[in-house]
PDB file of N, CA and C in Angstrom:
ATOM      1  N   MET A   1     152.512 148.574 176.993  1.00  0.00           N
ATOM      2  CA  MET A   1     152.206 148.044 175.675  1.00  0.00           C
ATOM      3  C   MET A   1     150.787 148.458 175.311  1.00  0.00           C
ATOM      4  N   ARG A   2     150.604 148.880 174.081  1.00  0.00           N
ATOM      5  CA  ARG A   2     149.279 149.313 173.633  1.00  0.00           C
ATOM      6  C   ARG A   2     148.403 148.119 173.308  1.00  0.00           C
ATOM      7  N   GLU A   3     147.098 148.373 173.270  1.00  0.00           N
ATOM      8  CA  GLU A   3     146.139 147.306 172.990  1.00  0.00           C
ATOM      9  C   GLU A   3     146.305 146.766 171.570  1.00  0.00           C
ATOM     10  N   GLY A   4     146.553 147.628 170.597  1.00  0.00           N
ATOM     11  CA  GLY A   4     146.749 147.198 169.214  1.00  0.00           C
ATOM     12  C   GLY A   4     147.970 146.313 169.056  1.00  0.00           C
ATOM     13  N   ASP A   5     149.033 146.656 169.796  1.00  0.00           N
ATOM     14  CA  ASP A   5     150.254 145.841 169.749  1.00  0.00           C
ATOM     15  C   ASP A   5     150.004 144.456 170.320  1.00  0.00           C
ATOM     16  N   GLU A   6     149.226 144.399 171.406  1.00  0.00           N
ATOM     17  CA  GLU A   6     148.910 143.112 172.014  1.00  0.00           C
ATOM     18  C   GLU A   6     148.087 142.240 171.071  1.00  0.00           C
ATOM     19  N   GLN A   7     147.161 142.856 170.358  1.00  0.00           N
ATOM     20  CA  GLN A   7     146.335 142.106 169.402  1.00  0.00           C
ATOM     21  C   GLN A   7     147.183 141.590 168.238  1.00  0.00           C
ATOM     22  N   ASP A   8     148.081 142.427 167.754  1.00  0.00           N
ATOM     23  CA  ASP A   8     148.966 141.990 166.665  1.00  0.00           C
ATOM     24  C   ASP A   8     149.838 140.822 167.112  1.00  0.00           C
ATOM     25  N   GLU A   9     150.337 140.918 168.338  1.00  0.00           N
ATOM     26  CA  GLU A   9     151.182 139.839 168.861  1.00  0.00           C
ATOM     27  C   GLU A   9     150.375 138.555 169.042  1.00  0.00           C
ATOM     28  N   ALA A  10     149.150 138.692 169.524  1.00  0.00           N
ATOM     29  CA  ALA A  10     148.290 137.512 169.704  1.00  0.00           C
ATOM     30  C   ALA A  10     147.982 136.867 168.354  1.00  0.00           C
ATOM     31  N   ARG A  11     147.734 137.672 167.327  1.00  0.00           N
ATOM     32  CA  ARG A  11     147.474 137.116 165.979  1.00  0.00           C
ATOM     33  C   ARG A  11     148.706 136.408 165.439  1.00  0.00           C
ATOM     34  N   ALA A  12     149.873 136.984 165.662  1.00  0.00           N
ATOM     35  CA  ALA A  12     151.114 136.368 165.181  1.00  0.00           C
ATOM     36  C   ALA A  12     151.348 135.023 165.878  1.00  0.00           C
ATOM     37  N   ILE A  13     151.086 134.973 167.178  1.00  0.00           N
ATOM     38  CA  ILE A  13     151.253 133.716 167.916  1.00  0.00           C
ATOM     39  C   ILE A  13     150.260 132.676 167.423  1.00  0.00           C
ATOM     40  N   ALA A  14     149.012 133.090 167.193  1.00  0.00           N
ATOM     41  CA  ALA A  14     147.995 132.155 166.694  1.00  0.00           C
ATOM     42  C   ALA A  14     148.375 131.635 165.309  1.00  0.00           C
ATOM     43  N   ARG A  15     148.900 132.507 164.452  1.00  0.00           N
ATOM     44  CA  ARG A  15     149.317 132.102 163.101  1.00  0.00           C
ATOM     45  C   ARG A  15     150.457 131.083 163.171  1.00  0.00           C
ATOM     46  N   LYS A  16     151.416 131.337 164.061  1.00  0.00           N
ATOM     47  CA  LYS A  16     152.525 130.392 164.224  1.00  0.00           C
ATOM     48  C   LYS A  16     152.045 129.057 164.772  1.00  0.00           C
ATOM     49  N   ALA A  17     151.080 129.095 165.680  1.00  0.00           N
ATOM     50  CA  ALA A  17     150.545 127.855 166.238  1.00  0.00           C
ATOM     51  C   ALA A  17     149.825 127.043 165.167  1.00  0.00           C
ATOM     52  N   ARG A  18     149.056 127.711 164.306  1.00  0.00           N
ATOM     53  CA  ARG A  18     148.375 127.002 163.211  1.00  0.00           C
ATOM     54  C   ARG A  18     149.377 126.393 162.246  1.00  0.00           C
ATOM     55  N   ARG A  19     150.425 127.129 161.940  1.00  0.00           N
ATOM     56  CA  ARG A  19     151.455 126.612 161.034  1.00  0.00           C
ATOM     57  C   ARG A  19     152.158 125.406 161.642  1.00  0.00           C
ATOM     58  N   LEU A  20     152.442 125.463 162.935  1.00  0.00           N
ATOM     59  CA  LEU A  20     153.075 124.342 163.622  1.00  0.00           C
ATOM     60  C   LEU A  20     152.159 123.123 163.623  1.00  0.00           C
ATOM     61  N   GLU A  21     150.877 123.332 163.829  1.00  0.00           N
ATOM     62  CA  GLU A  21     149.912 122.227 163.835  1.00  0.00           C
ATOM     63  C   GLU A  21     149.832 121.570 162.455  1.00  0.00           C
ATOM     64  N   ARG A  22     149.807 122.379 161.397  1.00  0.00           N
ATOM     65  CA  ARG A  22     149.800 121.825 160.032  1.00  0.00           C
ATOM     66  C   ARG A  22     151.071 121.032 159.768  1.00  0.00           C
ATOM     67  N   ALA A  23     152.200 121.532 160.244  1.00  0.00           N
ATOM     68  CA  ALA A  23     153.474 120.834 160.032  1.00  0.00           C
ATOM     69  C   ALA A  23     153.481 119.494 160.762  1.00  0.00           C
ATOM     70  N   ARG A  24     152.881 119.434 161.926  1.00  0.00           N
ATOM     71  CA  ARG A  24     152.839 118.174 162.667  1.00  0.00           C
ATOM     72  C   ARG A  24     151.947 117.144 161.987  1.00  0.00           C
ATOM     73  N   LYS A  25     150.876 117.591 161.350  1.00  0.00           N
ATOM     74  CA  LYS A  25     149.948 116.673 160.682  1.00  0.00           C
ATOM     75  C   LYS A  25     150.502 116.148 159.359  1.00  0.00           C
ATOM     76  N   ARG A  26     151.368 116.932 158.717  1.00  0.00           N
ATOM     77  CA  ARG A  26     151.907 116.561 157.412  1.00  0.00           C
ATOM     78  C   ARG A  26     152.941 115.449 157.578  1.00  0.00           C
ATOM     79  N   PRO A  27     152.891 114.445 156.700  1.00  0.00           N
ATOM     80  CA  PRO A  27     153.909 113.389 156.793  1.00  0.00           C
ATOM     81  C   PRO A  27     155.290 113.958 156.428  1.00  0.00           C
ATOM     82  N   PRO A  28     156.337 113.395 157.009  1.00  0.00           N
ATOM     83  CA  PRO A  28     157.675 113.919 156.714  1.00  0.00           C
ATOM     84  C   PRO A  28     158.033 113.695 155.238  1.00  0.00           C
ATOM     85  N   ALA A  29     158.818 114.617 154.720  1.00  0.00           N
ATOM     86  CA  ALA A  29     159.240 114.523 153.316  1.00  0.00           C
ATOM     87  C   ALA A  29     160.188 113.338 153.157  1.00  0.00           C
ATOM     88  N   SER A  30     160.015 112.617 152.081  1.00  0.00           N
ATOM     89  CA  SER A  30     160.880 111.467 151.827  1.00  0.00           C
ATOM     90  C   SER A  30     162.172 111.917 151.144  1.00  0.00           C
ATOM     91  N   ALA A  31     163.130 111.027 151.136  1.00  0.00           N
ATOM     92  CA  ALA A  31     164.398 111.319 150.460  1.00  0.00           C
ATOM     93  C   ALA A  31     164.161 111.497 148.963  1.00  0.00           C
ATOM     94  N   LEU A  32     163.178 110.778 148.444  1.00  0.00           N
ATOM     95  CA  LEU A  32     162.870 110.893 147.021  1.00  0.00           C
ATOM     96  C   LEU A  32     162.344 112.281 146.666  1.00  0.00           C
ATOM     97  N   SER A  33     161.537 112.871 147.543  1.00  0.00           N
ATOM     98  CA  SER A  33     161.025 114.208 147.257  1.00  0.00           C
ATOM     99  C   SER A  33     162.147 115.237 147.313  1.00  0.00           C
ATOM    100  N   GLY A  34     163.095 115.043 148.226  1.00  0.00           N
ATOM    101  CA  GLY A  34     164.257 115.928 148.277  1.00  0.00           C
ATOM    102  C   GLY A  34     165.106 115.806 147.030  1.00  0.00           C
ATOM    103  N   LEU A  35     165.275 114.581 146.548  1.00  0.00           N
ATOM    104  CA  LEU A  35     166.033 114.350 145.321  1.00  0.00           C
ATOM    105  C   LEU A  35     165.317 114.971 144.123  1.00  0.00           C
ATOM    106  N   ALA A  36     163.999 114.873 144.112  1.00  0.00           N
ATOM    107  CA  ALA A  36     163.221 115.471 143.021  1.00  0.00           C
ATOM    108  C   ALA A  36     163.377 116.987 143.019  1.00  0.00           C
ATOM    109  N   MET A  37     163.352 117.608 144.193  1.00  0.00           N
ATOM    110  CA  MET A  37     163.528 119.063 144.284  1.00  0.00           C
ATOM    111  C   MET A  37     164.921 119.454 143.816  1.00  0.00           C
ATOM    112  N   PHE A  38     165.917 118.668 144.207  1.00  0.00           N
ATOM    113  CA  PHE A  38     167.295 118.921 143.790  1.00  0.00           C
ATOM    114  C   PHE A  38     167.401 118.863 142.267  1.00  0.00           C
ATOM    115  N   GLY A  39     166.768 117.847 141.666  1.00  0.00           N
ATOM    116  CA  GLY A  39     166.791 117.707 140.215  1.00  0.00           C
ATOM    117  C   GLY A  39     166.064 118.833 139.517  1.00  0.00           C
ATOM    118  N   MET A  40     164.932 119.263 140.086  1.00  0.00           N
ATOM    119  CA  MET A  40     164.165 120.345 139.487  1.00  0.00           C
ATOM    120  C   MET A  40     164.977 121.647 139.474  1.00  0.00           C
ATOM    121  N   VAL A  41     165.653 121.920 140.582  1.00  0.00           N
ATOM    122  CA  VAL A  41     166.485 123.125 140.653  1.00  0.00           C
ATOM    123  C   VAL A  41     167.642 123.014 139.660  1.00  0.00           C
ATOM    124  N   GLY A  42     168.234 121.832 139.539  1.00  0.00           N
ATOM    125  CA  GLY A  42     169.331 121.639 138.589  1.00  0.00           C
ATOM    126  C   GLY A  42     168.898 121.884 137.161  1.00  0.00           C
ATOM    127  N   TRP A  43     167.752 121.327 136.786  1.00  0.00           N
ATOM    128  CA  TRP A  43     167.248 121.547 135.434  1.00  0.00           C
ATOM    129  C   TRP A  43     166.834 122.995 135.221  1.00  0.00           C
ATOM    130  N   ALA A  44     166.313 123.633 136.261  1.00  0.00           N
ATOM    131  CA  ALA A  44     165.895 125.033 136.149  1.00  0.00           C
ATOM    132  C   ALA A  44     167.082 125.937 135.838  1.00  0.00           C
ATOM    133  N   VAL A  45     168.279 125.535 136.254  1.00  0.00           N
ATOM    134  CA  VAL A  45     169.485 126.320 135.960  1.00  0.00           C
ATOM    135  C   VAL A  45     170.133 125.837 134.664  1.00  0.00           C
ATOM    136  N   ALA A  46     170.195 124.522 134.463  1.00  0.00           N
ATOM    137  CA  ALA A  46     170.933 123.966 133.325  1.00  0.00           C
ATOM    138  C   ALA A  46     170.303 124.320 131.985  1.00  0.00           C
ATOM    139  N   VAL A  47     168.990 124.258 131.883  1.00  0.00           N
ATOM    140  CA  VAL A  47     168.334 124.501 130.589  1.00  0.00           C
ATOM    141  C   VAL A  47     168.585 125.929 130.080  1.00  0.00           C
ATOM    142  N   PRO A  48     168.410 126.989 130.895  1.00  0.00           N
ATOM    143  CA  PRO A  48     168.723 128.334 130.376  1.00  0.00           C
ATOM    144  C   PRO A  48     170.202 128.525 130.030  1.00  0.00           C
ATOM    145  N   VAL A  49     171.099 127.882 130.784  1.00  0.00           N
ATOM    146  CA  VAL A  49     172.527 127.999 130.465  1.00  0.00           C
ATOM    147  C   VAL A  49     172.821 127.336 129.119  1.00  0.00           C
ATOM    148  N   LEU A  50     172.261 126.156 128.895  1.00  0.00           N
ATOM    149  CA  LEU A  50     172.473 125.484 127.603  1.00  0.00           C
ATOM    150  C   LEU A  50     171.849 126.258 126.454  1.00  0.00           C
ATOM    151  N   ALA A  51     170.668 126.812 126.682  1.00  0.00           N
ATOM    152  CA  ALA A  51     170.027 127.626 125.641  1.00  0.00           C
ATOM    153  C   ALA A  51     170.852 128.879 125.355  1.00  0.00           C
ATOM    154  N   GLY A  52     171.382 129.496 126.408  1.00  0.00           N
ATOM    155  CA  GLY A  52     172.241 130.669 126.216  1.00  0.00           C
ATOM    156  C   GLY A  52     173.514 130.320 125.471  1.00  0.00           C
ATOM    157  N   THR A  53     174.083 129.166 125.757  1.00  0.00           N
ATOM    158  CA  THR A  53     175.286 128.715 125.049  1.00  0.00           C
ATOM    159  C   THR A  53     174.998 128.529 123.566  1.00  0.00           C
ATOM    160  N   ALA A  54     173.892 127.855 123.268  1.00  0.00           N
ATOM    161  CA  ALA A  54     173.538 127.625 121.861  1.00  0.00           C
ATOM    162  C   ALA A  54     173.290 128.948 121.140  1.00  0.00           C
ATOM    163  N   LEU A  55     172.578 129.855 121.800  1.00  0.00           N
ATOM    164  CA  LEU A  55     172.300 131.156 121.184  1.00  0.00           C
ATOM    165  C   LEU A  55     173.589 131.932 120.956  1.00  0.00           C
ATOM    166  N   GLY A  56     174.480 131.916 121.944  1.00  0.00           N
ATOM    167  CA  GLY A  56     175.747 132.635 121.809  1.00  0.00           C
ATOM    168  C   GLY A  56     176.622 132.081 120.708  1.00  0.00           C
ATOM    169  N   VAL A  57     176.696 130.767 120.595  1.00  0.00           N
ATOM    170  CA  VAL A  57     177.482 130.147 119.525  1.00  0.00           C
ATOM    171  C   VAL A  57     176.882 130.511 118.171  1.00  0.00           C
ATOM    172  N   TRP A  58     175.558 130.505 118.082  1.00  0.00           N
ATOM    173  CA  TRP A  58     174.892 130.864 116.820  1.00  0.00           C
ATOM    174  C   TRP A  58     175.174 132.318 116.449  1.00  0.00           C
ATOM    175  N   ILE A  59     175.079 133.235 117.416  1.00  0.00           N
ATOM    176  CA  ILE A  59     175.348 134.656 117.136  1.00  0.00           C
ATOM    177  C   ILE A  59     176.805 134.847 116.728  1.00  0.00           C
ATOM    178  N   ASP A  60     177.734 134.213 117.454  1.00  0.00           N
ATOM    179  CA  ASP A  60     179.157 134.343 117.110  1.00  0.00           C
ATOM    180  C   ASP A  60     179.445 133.782 115.719  1.00  0.00           C
ATOM    181  N   GLY A  61     178.743 132.740 115.336  1.00  0.00           N
ATOM    182  CA  GLY A  61     178.939 132.170 113.998  1.00  0.00           C
ATOM    183  C   GLY A  61     178.367 133.062 112.899  1.00  0.00           C
ATOM    184  N   ARG A  62     177.238 133.714 113.184  1.00  0.00           N
ATOM    185  CA  ARG A  62     176.589 134.573 112.182  1.00  0.00           C
ATOM    186  C   ARG A  62     177.263 135.923 112.032  1.00  0.00           C
ATOM    187  N   TRP A  63     177.565 136.554 113.168  1.00  0.00           N
ATOM    188  CA  TRP A  63     178.118 137.902 113.166  1.00  0.00           C
ATOM    189  C   TRP A  63     179.346 137.971 114.057  1.00  0.00           C
ATOM    190  N   PRO A  64     180.514 137.583 113.520  1.00  0.00           N
ATOM    191  CA  PRO A  64     181.739 137.633 114.329  1.00  0.00           C
ATOM    192  C   PRO A  64     182.028 139.070 114.787  1.00  0.00           C
ATOM    193  N   SER A  65     182.450 139.221 116.019  1.00  0.00           N
ATOM    194  CA  SER A  65     182.787 140.546 116.547  1.00  0.00           C
ATOM    195  C   SER A  65     183.867 140.383 117.618  1.00  0.00           C
ATOM    196  N   GLU A  66     184.258 141.514 118.208  1.00  0.00           N
ATOM    197  CA  GLU A  66     185.259 141.475 119.270  1.00  0.00           C
ATOM    198  C   GLU A  66     184.666 140.875 120.546  1.00  0.00           C
ATOM    199  N   ARG A  67     183.359 140.997 120.709  1.00  0.00           N
ATOM    200  CA  ARG A  67     182.694 140.447 121.896  1.00  0.00           C
ATOM    201  C   ARG A  67     182.462 138.953 121.727  1.00  0.00           C
ATOM    202  N   SER A  68     182.499 138.263 122.834  1.00  0.00           N
ATOM    203  CA  SER A  68     182.142 136.852 122.819  1.00  0.00           C
ATOM    204  C   SER A  68     180.685 136.743 123.241  1.00  0.00           C
ATOM    205  N   TRP A  69     179.804 136.631 122.256  1.00  0.00           N
ATOM    206  CA  TRP A  69     178.379 136.519 122.561  1.00  0.00           C
ATOM    207  C   TRP A  69     178.077 135.198 123.265  1.00  0.00           C
ATOM    208  N   THR A  70     178.912 134.213 123.034  1.00  0.00           N
ATOM    209  CA  THR A  70     178.725 132.942 123.732  1.00  0.00           C
ATOM    210  C   THR A  70     178.865 133.151 125.236  1.00  0.00           C
ATOM    211  N   LEU A  71     179.912 133.844 125.646  1.00  0.00           N
ATOM    212  CA  LEU A  71     180.127 134.104 127.068  1.00  0.00           C
ATOM    213  C   LEU A  71     179.013 134.969 127.647  1.00  0.00           C
ATOM    214  N   ILE A  72     178.617 135.995 126.924  1.00  0.00           N
ATOM    215  CA  ILE A  72     177.548 136.877 127.392  1.00  0.00           C
ATOM    216  C   ILE A  72     176.249 136.100 127.561  1.00  0.00           C
ATOM    217  N   CYS A  73     175.931 135.262 126.593  1.00  0.00           N
ATOM    218  CA  CYS A  73     174.682 134.497 126.669  1.00  0.00           C
ATOM    219  C   CYS A  73     174.733 133.403 127.740  1.00  0.00           C
ATOM    220  N   ILE A  74     175.913 132.835 127.976  1.00  0.00           N
ATOM    221  CA  ILE A  74     176.051 131.863 129.072  1.00  0.00           C
ATOM    222  C   ILE A  74     175.776 132.552 130.404  1.00  0.00           C
ATOM    223  N   LEU A  75     176.362 133.735 130.604  1.00  0.00           N
ATOM    224  CA  LEU A  75     176.137 134.476 131.849  1.00  0.00           C
ATOM    225  C   LEU A  75     174.669 134.887 131.995  1.00  0.00           C
ATOM    226  N   ALA A  76     174.061 135.334 130.898  1.00  0.00           N
ATOM    227  CA  ALA A  76     172.646 135.707 130.949  1.00  0.00           C
ATOM    228  C   ALA A  76     171.778 134.484 131.245  1.00  0.00           C
ATOM    229  N   GLY A  77     172.099 133.355 130.629  1.00  0.00           N
ATOM    230  CA  GLY A  77     171.365 132.121 130.901  1.00  0.00           C
ATOM    231  C   GLY A  77     171.529 131.669 132.341  1.00  0.00           C
ATOM    232  N   GLY A  78     172.737 131.824 132.882  1.00  0.00           N
ATOM    233  CA  GLY A  78     172.971 131.477 134.283  1.00  0.00           C
ATOM    234  C   GLY A  78     172.167 132.360 135.227  1.00  0.00           C
ATOM    235  N   ALA A  79     172.124 133.654 134.931  1.00  0.00           N
ATOM    236  CA  ALA A  79     171.336 134.563 135.766  1.00  0.00           C
ATOM    237  C   ALA A  79     169.848 134.224 135.681  1.00  0.00           C
ATOM    238  N   LEU A  80     169.380 133.989 134.464  1.00  0.00           N
ATOM    239  CA  LEU A  80     167.974 133.611 134.286  1.00  0.00           C
ATOM    240  C   LEU A  80     167.676 132.278 134.975  1.00  0.00           C
ATOM    241  N   GLY A  81     168.601 131.330 134.880  1.00  0.00           N
ATOM    242  CA  GLY A  81     168.424 130.039 135.531  1.00  0.00           C
ATOM    243  C   GLY A  81     168.370 130.155 137.045  1.00  0.00           C
ATOM    244  N   CYS A  82     169.207 131.012 137.609  1.00  0.00           N
ATOM    245  CA  CYS A  82     169.179 131.206 139.068  1.00  0.00           C
ATOM    246  C   CYS A  82     167.872 131.842 139.507  1.00  0.00           C
ATOM    247  N   LEU A  83     167.376 132.813 138.748  1.00  0.00           N
ATOM    248  CA  LEU A  83     166.063 133.394 139.067  1.00  0.00           C
ATOM    249  C   LEU A  83     164.962 132.349 138.966  1.00  0.00           C
ATOM    250  N   ASN A  84     165.049 131.524 137.953  1.00  0.00           N
ATOM    251  CA  ASN A  84     164.075 130.456 137.759  1.00  0.00           C
ATOM    252  C   ASN A  84     164.109 129.475 138.938  1.00  0.00           C
ATOM    253  N   ALA A  85     165.290 129.068 139.346  1.00  0.00           N
ATOM    254  CA  ALA A  85     165.429 128.143 140.474  1.00  0.00           C
ATOM    255  C   ALA A  85     164.906 128.789 141.755  1.00  0.00           C
ATOM    256  N   TRP A  86     165.221 130.061 141.962  1.00  0.00           N
ATOM    257  CA  TRP A  86     164.725 130.771 143.137  1.00  0.00           C
ATOM    258  C   TRP A  86     163.202 130.782 143.148  1.00  0.00           C
ATOM    259  N   TYR A  87     162.596 131.027 141.997  1.00  0.00           N
ATOM    260  CA  TYR A  87     161.135 131.024 141.896  1.00  0.00           C
ATOM    261  C   TYR A  87     160.560 129.670 142.312  1.00  0.00           C
ATOM    262  N   TRP A  88     161.129 128.580 141.802  1.00  0.00           N
ATOM    263  CA  TRP A  88     160.607 127.245 142.109  1.00  0.00           C
ATOM    264  C   TRP A  88     160.794 126.884 143.581  1.00  0.00           C
ATOM    265  N   VAL A  89     161.940 127.259 144.146  1.00  0.00           N
ATOM    266  CA  VAL A  89     162.182 126.968 145.559  1.00  0.00           C
ATOM    267  C   VAL A  89     161.198 127.764 146.421  1.00  0.00           C
ATOM    268  N   GLN A  90     160.983 129.039 146.084  1.00  0.00           N
ATOM    269  CA  GLN A  90     160.017 129.850 146.825  1.00  0.00           C
ATOM    270  C   GLN A  90     158.616 129.284 146.704  1.00  0.00           C
ATOM    271  N   ARG A  91     158.262 128.837 145.513  1.00  0.00           N
ATOM    272  CA  ARG A  91     156.921 128.267 145.288  1.00  0.00           C
ATOM    273  C   ARG A  91     156.719 127.001 146.113  1.00  0.00           C
ATOM    274  N   GLU A  92     157.716 126.138 146.152  1.00  0.00           N
ATOM    275  CA  GLU A  92     157.622 124.916 146.948  1.00  0.00           C
ATOM    276  C   GLU A  92     157.569 125.251 148.444  1.00  0.00           C
ATOM    277  N   GLY A  93     158.313 126.268 148.858  1.00  0.00           N
ATOM    278  CA  GLY A  93     158.288 126.669 150.254  1.00  0.00           C
ATOM    279  C   GLY A  93     156.931 127.200 150.677  1.00  0.00           C
ATOM    280  N   ARG A  94     156.271 127.938 149.798  1.00  0.00           N
ATOM    281  CA  ARG A  94     154.930 128.457 150.109  1.00  0.00           C
ATOM    282  C   ARG A  94     153.906 127.351 150.156  1.00  0.00           C
ATOM    283  N   SER A  95     154.041 126.354 149.302  1.00  0.00           N
ATOM    284  CA  SER A  95     153.054 125.263 149.288  1.00  0.00           C
ATOM    285  C   SER A  95     153.203 124.380 150.519  1.00  0.00           C
ATOM    286  N   ASP A  96     154.392 124.367 151.128  1.00  0.00           N
ATOM    287  CA  ASP A  96     154.593 123.569 152.347  1.00  0.00           C
ATOM    288  C   ASP A  96     153.992 124.247 153.566  1.00  0.00           C
ATOM    289  N   GLY A  97     153.987 125.581 153.582  1.00  0.00           N
ATOM    290  CA  GLY A  97     153.542 126.298 154.775  1.00  0.00           C
ATOM    291  C   GLY A  97     152.142 126.640 154.673  1.00  0.00           C
TER     292      GLY A  97
END
């Protein structure tokens, strides 16, 4: 094993030890905080889907066509909502570590 590899491994072990120590000092998450995270993720998905539905219904009412803009906007809102939820979950995960 090379010296640089050993140093990298030692740094990784030290980083994991610091993270473990911080986790031990932090109080355990309550059920209420888990429920709040669940609600935040739900709203992060629901709001873009509802906005997409409203936009699609409005477009279909204004400019009727063979395409269902309501369906397209619901799918786009769902995709945007999932990205939004992923962002919030990642952000909360980084703040914990």
